[in-house]
Each structure stands twice: as structure tokens, then as C-alpha cells.
Amino acid sequence: MRKHHLYGIGNALVDMEYEVDVGDLAELGIDKGVMTLIDADHQTRIMDHLRERCHQKGSGGSAANSIIAVSQFSGKGFYSCKVANDALGRFYMDDLVAGGVDTNYHTVREDGHTGCCLVLTTRDSDRTLVTYLGISGDLSEQELLPESLRASDYFYTEGYLVTSDSARALSITAKEIAEAAGVGTAISLSDPNMVTYFKAGLLEMIGGGVDLLFANEAEAKGMADTEDLNAAIAFLKTIAREFAITRGPEGALVYDGNTLIEIAPVRVDAIDTVGAGDMFAGAFLYGRTQGWSHRRSGDLAAAASAKLVTSLGPRIDAAATQAVLRRFL
């Protein structure tokens, strides 16, 4: 029996979520609905613009959100990441551990600035991410714990790591270790901008193929250079043995290696879609590590992500997660 259900690597970003108007995005020169990398000076300008507004704060990053979801479903997760020896870094690690996730918490932390993601939510429930990676941009093999990786059911990485040479190399090395140990490999494409600007790097991370790939419809089409969903599905079959394509209010498509399964949407009034894809991936991976079928795992993932979008923030609390889970036991 393996020690962890899921071993993940990803950016350690303190999420700071604000409600804004579309006019704010235009004034700040920020593209709506995608993730944009910025430097420290640009982040300071945005923070000055928003300083009078209330916000929520939590440990974030795409893969971290998925692994915390696995933990809240009663799974066991491990997360390798990099934070600085600053107040945000201490907050991040304490919040991660409080979420039930094991981590490289005791490795030496360097001076610098912990990464931060400004999550800007508009009234149409769309989310725009503005990210300053800080020290997370230096994520490298130093943060990898190979023995914990080998003791896991799945290795999971996020496409956001493609923007950093050292983090991309770490993802590739970790995948090789996982494959040699018989650990399943999974990746999320993360964001349409990652596909648009870093497709070659994503394909390098995928290598000869992954066991499980997560994408939304725009990302899947972007990887295949097509506007045709069927063509995108055909392309994903060449780089992943299994995959899930999330389609928002239209539900999801799950390919189990033989059959394409339609996952029905769960109808809700969405308030905030931040973290919906992360929750879908975490719930689906939890189901698969419990031996559940692809359909049952997909239905759990759809229900959990639907619950998530009815409130602000990239996560729901453990009690709400467990309430969703009980409907499928």
C-alpha cells in the first residue's frame, strides 16, 4: 500500500481574491479571463489600486488546490513547492499543513519574496489571474522528495510550471522517477495562455505521454490547433492514455482509454469560477485512487466543482467537501 494517494509539485502562491469591475481590468491593462505573469513593480501598482478593497487570502496555486481537495475528501496528499523565509511563506506553509497536506515543510527556506496571485473576480463569475511568481519561479529539484514520490499512487503537476526553466526541468525529472516506480502520471494544462505561449514546453513536460491529462475545452483545442472539439479529442489521445475535458455549464468529457464518457453538468448559480478546474482534478483523482470508475469519479468531480463555484474562493471547507462525497458513497 502506498503512503500517499497524490504527490504534486507546483507554484506556491498566496491567493488574494478581490471583486472588481471590468473597468478595473481595462484601467490596469489586464487581459480578462486568463492568467498573466507580472513583475514585482506591476504587482505593487495593482495592489495600490485595490488597497481599499476587502479581500480573502489563502494558500493557493493550481496543483495545491487540487491536492488540498484530495485531503478534504479523506485522501493523503504530498506537495512539493518553494516559499521564501518571509511572512507570506510562513502563512502559506501553515495553511497548507492545516489543510491536511504533507509537504517539504522542513527544507531550508531562502530569503526573498513568496509568490502571490491576485485573483480578480468580475460580476459575470469570470476570474482573471495576475501572478507574481517570486521565489516560486526558482522551484527546482532541491524541493523534490523522491522517496515520497515513489510512495504515491499518482504524480501530478500543473502546466503553469512551464514558464520556469528550473520548474519545467523538475517536472520532467519527477515524471521520469514516477514512471520508473510505477506511479501514475497526471498533468493539468492549467490555462489557455500556457497553451498559447508555451505549447512546446508543455509537450516537453508531457514527453512520451501521461496517464491522465486535465484540460478545459479552450486548452484542449489550443493544444490541437483546432476549433473542432472532435479533432482536439483525437489529438489528446496521442499524448495521454486518459483525459478529462471540462466544459463549464456543459459538463465534462472523460476518456477512459477506450470510451468517451459524457459527464452531466450540475446546474447551479455560479458566483465565482476560481479553482473549479482544480477541484475537478482533485475530486477525479481522489475517485480514481479509491478504485472508482471513470464515470463515478467524473460525477463526483462535477458535483464538487459545482459546489465550489457557488461561493467565493478557490476552495470550500472540509465539511462541505465531505457532504458532497457522502452523496457518492
Protein backbone atom coordinates (compact mmCIF):
# COMPACT_ATOMS: atom_id res chain seq x y z
CA MET A 1 0.00 0.00 0.00
CA ARG A 2 1.40 3.39 -0.98
CA LYS A 3 1.82 6.19 1.57
CA HIS A 4 0.20 8.97 -0.49
CA HIS A 5 -2.63 8.99 -2.98
CA LEU A 6 -1.22 12.02 -4.75
CA TYR A 7 2.21 13.67 -4.92
CA GLY A 8 2.13 17.07 -6.56
CA ILE A 9 4.53 19.81 -7.50
CA GLY A 10 3.50 23.33 -8.35
CA ASN A 11 3.82 27.01 -7.65
CA ALA A 12 3.29 28.11 -4.06
CA LEU A 13 1.20 31.26 -4.39
CA VAL A 14 -0.68 33.11 -1.71
CA ASP A 15 -4.05 33.81 -3.32
CA MET A 16 -5.51 37.26 -2.65
CA GLU A 17 -9.00 37.49 -4.11
CA TYR A 18 -10.79 40.71 -4.97
CA GLU A 19 -14.13 41.51 -6.61
CA VAL A 20 -13.57 44.02 -9.41
CA ASP A 21 -15.36 45.58 -12.37
CA VAL A 22 -14.38 45.01 -15.99
CA GLY A 23 -13.39 48.69 -15.99
CA ASP A 24 -10.75 47.97 -13.36
CA LEU A 25 -9.16 45.38 -15.61
CA ALA A 26 -9.13 47.81 -18.53
CA GLU A 27 -7.63 50.57 -16.38
CA LEU A 28 -4.90 48.23 -15.14
CA GLY A 29 -4.19 46.87 -18.63
CA ILE A 30 -5.01 43.26 -17.66
CA ASP A 31 -6.42 40.67 -20.10
CA LYS A 32 -9.72 39.30 -18.78
CA GLY A 33 -10.27 35.61 -18.07
CA VAL A 34 -6.71 34.32 -18.28
CA MET A 35 -3.53 34.19 -16.19
CA THR A 36 -0.89 36.85 -16.78
CA LEU A 37 2.61 36.82 -15.26
CA ILE A 38 3.78 40.15 -13.88
CA ASP A 39 6.84 41.52 -12.09
CA ALA A 40 7.01 42.94 -8.56
CA ASP A 41 6.58 46.56 -9.68
CA HIS A 42 3.43 45.77 -11.66
CA GLN A 43 2.01 43.86 -8.70
CA THR A 44 2.67 46.87 -6.46
CA ARG A 45 0.76 49.15 -8.85
CA ILE A 46 -2.21 46.78 -8.87
CA MET A 47 -2.16 46.42 -5.09
CA ASP A 48 -2.14 50.21 -4.72
CA HIS A 49 -5.23 50.38 -6.96
CA LEU A 50 -7.01 47.76 -4.82
CA ARG A 51 -5.75 48.67 -1.36
CA GLU A 52 -9.10 50.00 -0.07
CA ARG A 53 -10.98 46.85 -1.08
CA CYS A 54 -11.70 43.81 1.08
CA HIS A 55 -10.12 40.53 0.03
CA GLN A 56 -9.68 36.92 1.04
CA LYS A 57 -6.29 35.25 1.48
CA GLY A 58 -5.28 31.59 1.32
CA SER A 59 -2.60 29.16 0.22
CA GLY A 60 -3.05 28.66 -3.48
CA GLY A 61 -1.57 27.53 -6.73
CA SER A 62 -3.41 25.22 -9.10
CA ALA A 63 -1.88 21.91 -8.03
CA ALA A 64 -2.03 22.90 -4.36
CA ASN A 65 -5.78 23.47 -4.64
CA SER A 66 -6.21 20.00 -6.17
CA ILE A 67 -4.13 18.28 -3.52
CA ILE A 68 -5.94 20.05 -0.68
CA ALA A 69 -9.19 18.84 -2.26
CA VAL A 70 -7.86 15.25 -2.19
CA SER A 71 -7.06 15.72 1.50
CA GLN A 72 -10.52 17.11 2.24
CA PHE A 73 -12.05 14.03 0.60
CA SER A 74 -10.02 11.99 3.16
CA GLY A 75 -7.16 11.19 0.79
CA LYS A 76 -3.47 11.64 1.51
CA GLY A 77 -1.53 14.22 -0.43
CA PHE A 78 2.06 15.49 -0.59
CA TYR A 79 3.01 18.83 -2.13
CA SER A 80 6.50 19.97 -3.12
CA CYS A 81 6.82 23.72 -3.54
CA LYS A 82 9.06 26.69 -2.76
CA VAL A 83 8.33 29.62 -0.45
CA ALA A 84 10.61 32.31 0.94
CA ASN A 85 11.53 32.92 4.55
CA ASP A 86 9.01 35.74 4.86
CA ALA A 87 5.60 36.31 6.44
CA LEU A 88 3.70 35.10 3.35
CA GLY A 89 5.89 31.99 3.17
CA ARG A 90 5.16 31.10 6.78
CA PHE A 91 1.45 31.76 6.23
CA TYR A 92 1.46 29.55 3.13
CA MET A 93 3.09 26.54 4.74
CA ASP A 94 0.98 26.77 7.91
CA ASP A 95 -2.18 26.97 5.80
CA LEU A 96 -1.09 24.01 3.65
CA VAL A 97 -0.38 21.82 6.66
CA ALA A 98 -3.67 22.91 8.28
CA GLY A 99 -5.33 21.64 5.09
CA GLY A 100 -4.02 18.15 5.84
CA VAL A 101 -1.28 18.09 3.20
CA ASP A 102 2.21 16.74 3.85
CA THR A 103 4.97 18.87 2.32
CA ASN A 104 8.65 19.68 2.17
CA TYR A 105 7.90 21.94 5.14
CA HIS A 106 11.22 21.37 6.89
CA THR A 107 13.54 22.14 3.99
CA VAL A 108 15.62 25.31 4.31
CA ARG A 109 13.80 28.43 3.18
CA GLU A 110 15.72 31.17 1.41
CA ASP A 111 15.40 34.93 1.68
CA GLY A 112 13.22 36.51 -0.97
CA HIS A 113 9.53 37.01 -1.72
CA THR A 114 6.90 34.28 -1.65
CA GLY A 115 4.78 34.17 -4.79
CA CYS A 116 1.41 35.84 -4.87
CA CYS A 117 -1.59 35.53 -7.18
CA LEU A 118 -4.14 38.32 -7.37
CA VAL A 119 -7.46 36.70 -8.23
CA LEU A 120 -9.77 39.30 -9.78
CA THR A 121 -13.38 38.17 -9.98
CA THR A 122 -15.92 40.06 -12.10
CA ARG A 123 -19.71 40.04 -11.81
CA ASP A 124 -20.07 37.51 -14.64
CA SER A 125 -18.34 34.92 -12.37
CA ASP A 126 -15.22 35.01 -14.54
CA ARG A 127 -11.80 35.03 -12.94
CA THR A 128 -8.67 36.82 -14.05
CA LEU A 129 -5.35 35.81 -12.50
CA VAL A 130 -2.38 38.14 -12.15
CA THR A 131 0.64 36.27 -10.84
CA TYR A 132 3.98 37.32 -9.41
CA LEU A 133 5.91 34.09 -9.01
CA GLY A 134 8.55 35.44 -6.65
CA ILE A 135 10.80 32.69 -5.32
CA SER A 136 8.45 30.03 -6.72
CA GLY A 137 9.96 30.83 -10.10
CA ASP A 138 13.14 29.16 -8.79
CA LEU A 139 11.37 25.88 -7.96
CA SER A 140 13.88 23.11 -8.73
CA GLU A 141 14.95 19.56 -7.90
CA GLN A 142 16.03 20.82 -4.48
CA GLU A 143 12.35 20.74 -3.48
CA LEU A 144 11.77 17.18 -4.74
CA LEU A 145 11.46 14.30 -2.27
CA PRO A 146 11.90 11.21 -4.48
CA GLU A 147 11.02 8.66 -1.80
CA SER A 148 7.67 10.35 -1.11
CA LEU A 149 7.04 10.49 -4.85
CA ARG A 150 7.76 6.77 -5.25
CA ALA A 151 5.37 6.06 -2.37
CA SER A 152 2.39 7.67 -4.14
CA ASP A 153 -0.39 6.40 -6.40
CA TYR A 154 -0.18 9.38 -8.75
CA PHE A 155 2.28 12.15 -9.58
CA TYR A 156 0.51 15.39 -10.54
CA THR A 157 1.91 18.59 -11.97
CA GLU A 158 0.48 21.84 -13.26
CA GLY A 159 1.07 23.40 -16.65
CA TYR A 160 1.95 26.70 -15.01
CA LEU A 161 5.42 25.30 -14.28
CA VAL A 162 6.22 25.54 -17.98
CA THR A 163 7.16 29.22 -17.60
CA SER A 164 10.22 28.47 -15.44
CA ASP A 165 13.21 26.56 -16.85
CA SER A 166 14.11 25.01 -13.49
CA ALA A 167 10.50 24.13 -12.62
CA ARG A 168 9.91 22.62 -16.06
CA ALA A 169 13.07 20.51 -15.65
CA LEU A 170 11.86 19.45 -12.19
CA SER A 171 8.52 18.34 -13.63
CA ILE A 172 10.26 16.25 -16.29
CA THR A 173 12.61 14.63 -13.76
CA ALA A 174 9.75 13.88 -11.36
CA LYS A 175 7.74 12.29 -14.17
CA GLU A 176 10.69 10.02 -15.04
CA ILE A 177 11.03 8.96 -11.39
CA ALA A 178 7.28 8.29 -11.18
CA GLU A 179 7.26 6.19 -14.34
CA ALA A 180 10.23 4.12 -13.16
CA ALA A 181 8.42 3.44 -9.87
CA GLY A 182 5.09 2.51 -11.47
CA VAL A 183 3.42 5.69 -10.21
CA GLY A 184 0.66 7.11 -12.42
CA THR A 185 1.41 10.44 -14.10
CA ALA A 186 -1.04 13.31 -14.47
CA ILE A 187 -0.87 16.90 -15.67
CA SER A 188 -3.23 19.86 -15.92
CA LEU A 189 -2.75 22.25 -18.83
CA SER A 190 -3.80 24.98 -16.37
CA ASP A 191 -4.63 27.98 -18.56
CA PRO A 192 -5.26 28.92 -22.22
CA ASN A 193 -2.31 31.33 -22.10
CA MET A 194 0.03 28.49 -21.16
CA VAL A 195 -1.10 26.64 -24.27
CA THR A 196 -0.90 29.73 -26.48
CA TYR A 197 2.59 30.83 -25.48
CA PHE A 198 4.30 27.72 -24.08
CA LYS A 199 2.93 24.78 -26.07
CA ALA A 200 6.39 23.41 -26.90
CA GLY A 201 7.32 23.40 -23.23
CA LEU A 202 4.09 21.66 -22.26
CA LEU A 203 4.76 18.95 -24.84
CA GLU A 204 8.25 18.60 -23.36
CA MET A 205 6.70 18.09 -19.90
CA ILE A 206 4.26 15.53 -21.32
CA GLY A 207 7.09 13.71 -23.08
CA GLY A 208 6.09 10.30 -24.37
CA GLY A 209 2.63 10.70 -22.85
CA VAL A 210 0.94 10.91 -19.47
CA ASP A 211 -1.55 8.55 -17.88
CA LEU A 212 -4.09 11.31 -17.23
CA LEU A 213 -4.45 14.83 -18.59
CA PHE A 214 -6.84 17.59 -17.49
CA ALA A 215 -7.85 20.48 -19.74
CA ASN A 216 -10.74 22.79 -20.32
CA GLU A 217 -12.21 22.96 -23.80
CA ALA A 218 -10.21 26.04 -24.86
CA GLU A 219 -6.94 24.46 -23.72
CA ALA A 220 -7.70 21.18 -25.48
CA LYS A 221 -8.49 22.94 -28.74
CA GLY A 222 -5.41 25.12 -28.39
CA MET A 223 -3.13 22.14 -27.97
CA ALA A 224 -4.54 20.64 -31.15
CA ASP A 225 -4.54 23.94 -33.10
CA THR A 226 -8.20 23.49 -33.95
CA GLU A 227 -11.64 24.88 -33.21
CA ASP A 228 -13.17 21.43 -33.67
CA LEU A 229 -13.73 19.57 -30.41
CA ASN A 230 -13.59 16.13 -32.04
CA ALA A 231 -10.22 16.96 -33.58
CA ALA A 232 -9.00 18.11 -30.17
CA ILE A 233 -10.16 14.83 -28.61
CA ALA A 234 -8.30 12.88 -31.30
CA PHE A 235 -5.12 14.85 -30.60
CA LEU A 236 -5.30 14.36 -26.83
CA LYS A 237 -5.45 10.61 -27.42
CA THR A 238 -1.93 10.87 -28.88
CA ILE A 239 -0.42 12.44 -25.73
CA ALA A 240 -2.49 10.96 -22.88
CA ARG A 241 -3.81 7.49 -22.16
CA GLU A 242 -6.78 9.03 -20.35
CA PHE A 243 -8.05 12.58 -20.09
CA ALA A 244 -10.82 14.84 -18.85
CA ILE A 245 -12.06 17.93 -20.71
CA THR A 246 -14.12 20.30 -18.58
CA ARG A 247 -16.78 22.33 -20.40
CA GLY A 248 -18.25 24.60 -17.74
CA PRO A 249 -22.07 24.53 -17.77
CA GLU A 250 -21.99 21.78 -20.41
CA GLY A 251 -20.36 19.30 -18.03
CA ALA A 252 -17.26 17.34 -18.99
CA LEU A 253 -15.91 14.62 -21.25
CA VAL A 254 -13.83 11.81 -19.79
CA TYR A 255 -11.84 9.37 -21.92
CA ASP A 256 -11.05 6.15 -20.06
CA GLY A 257 -8.64 4.76 -22.65
CA ASN A 258 -11.40 3.11 -24.68
CA THR A 259 -14.63 5.08 -24.37
CA LEU A 260 -15.52 8.76 -24.28
CA ILE A 261 -17.88 9.33 -21.35
CA GLU A 262 -20.16 12.34 -21.06
CA ILE A 263 -20.35 13.75 -17.52
CA ALA A 264 -23.57 15.66 -17.00
CA PRO A 265 -23.34 19.17 -15.57
CA VAL A 266 -24.67 20.01 -12.12
CA ARG A 267 -26.83 23.11 -12.52
CA VAL A 268 -26.04 25.89 -10.04
CA ASP A 269 -25.94 29.68 -9.95
CA ALA A 270 -22.22 30.35 -10.28
CA ILE A 271 -20.73 33.19 -8.28
CA ASP A 272 -17.02 32.59 -8.74
CA THR A 273 -15.31 30.04 -11.02
CA VAL A 274 -11.86 30.40 -9.42
CA GLY A 275 -10.46 26.93 -8.70
CA ALA A 276 -13.26 25.00 -10.43
CA GLY A 277 -10.82 23.12 -12.66
CA ASP A 278 -8.52 22.45 -9.72
CA MET A 279 -11.39 20.99 -7.71
CA PHE A 280 -12.48 18.87 -10.67
CA ALA A 281 -8.97 17.42 -10.98
CA GLY A 282 -8.62 16.82 -7.24
CA ALA A 283 -12.01 15.12 -6.93
CA PHE A 284 -11.45 13.00 -10.03
CA LEU A 285 -8.00 11.88 -8.84
CA TYR A 286 -9.43 11.06 -5.42
CA GLY A 287 -12.04 8.84 -7.00
CA ARG A 288 -9.55 7.06 -9.23
CA THR A 289 -7.15 6.41 -6.32
CA GLN A 290 -10.07 4.82 -4.46
CA GLY A 291 -10.68 2.41 -7.32
CA TRP A 292 -13.79 4.20 -8.55
CA SER A 293 -14.84 4.02 -12.19
CA HIS A 294 -14.16 6.94 -14.51
CA ARG A 295 -17.86 7.83 -14.59
CA ARG A 296 -18.27 7.80 -10.82
CA SER A 297 -15.07 9.83 -10.42
CA GLY A 298 -16.29 12.28 -13.07
CA ASP A 299 -19.68 12.66 -11.43
CA LEU A 300 -18.01 13.38 -8.08
CA ALA A 301 -15.73 15.93 -9.76
CA ALA A 302 -18.68 17.67 -11.45
CA ALA A 303 -20.64 17.84 -8.20
CA ALA A 304 -17.66 19.13 -6.19
CA SER A 305 -16.72 21.80 -8.73
CA ALA A 306 -20.38 22.88 -8.97
CA LYS A 307 -20.46 23.30 -5.20
CA LEU A 308 -17.24 25.31 -5.34
CA VAL A 309 -18.49 27.91 -7.81
CA THR A 310 -21.46 28.84 -5.59
CA SER A 311 -19.14 30.71 -3.20
CA LEU A 312 -16.09 32.94 -3.40
CA GLY A 313 -12.60 31.49 -3.38
CA PRO A 314 -10.67 28.55 -4.87
CA ARG A 315 -11.72 26.06 -2.18
CA ILE A 316 -14.62 25.04 0.03
CA ASP A 317 -14.19 23.84 3.58
CA ALA A 318 -13.71 20.21 4.52
CA ALA A 319 -17.25 19.83 5.86
CA ALA A 320 -18.75 20.94 2.54
CA THR A 321 -16.39 18.63 0.64
CA GLN A 322 -17.36 15.68 2.82
CA ALA A 323 -21.05 16.49 2.28
CA VAL A 324 -20.52 16.21 -1.49
CA LEU A 325 -18.60 12.96 -1.05
CA ARG A 326 -21.35 11.33 1.03
CA ARG A 327 -23.71 11.58 -1.95
CA PHE A 328 -21.49 9.12 -3.82
CA LEU A 329 -20.76 6.56 -1.10
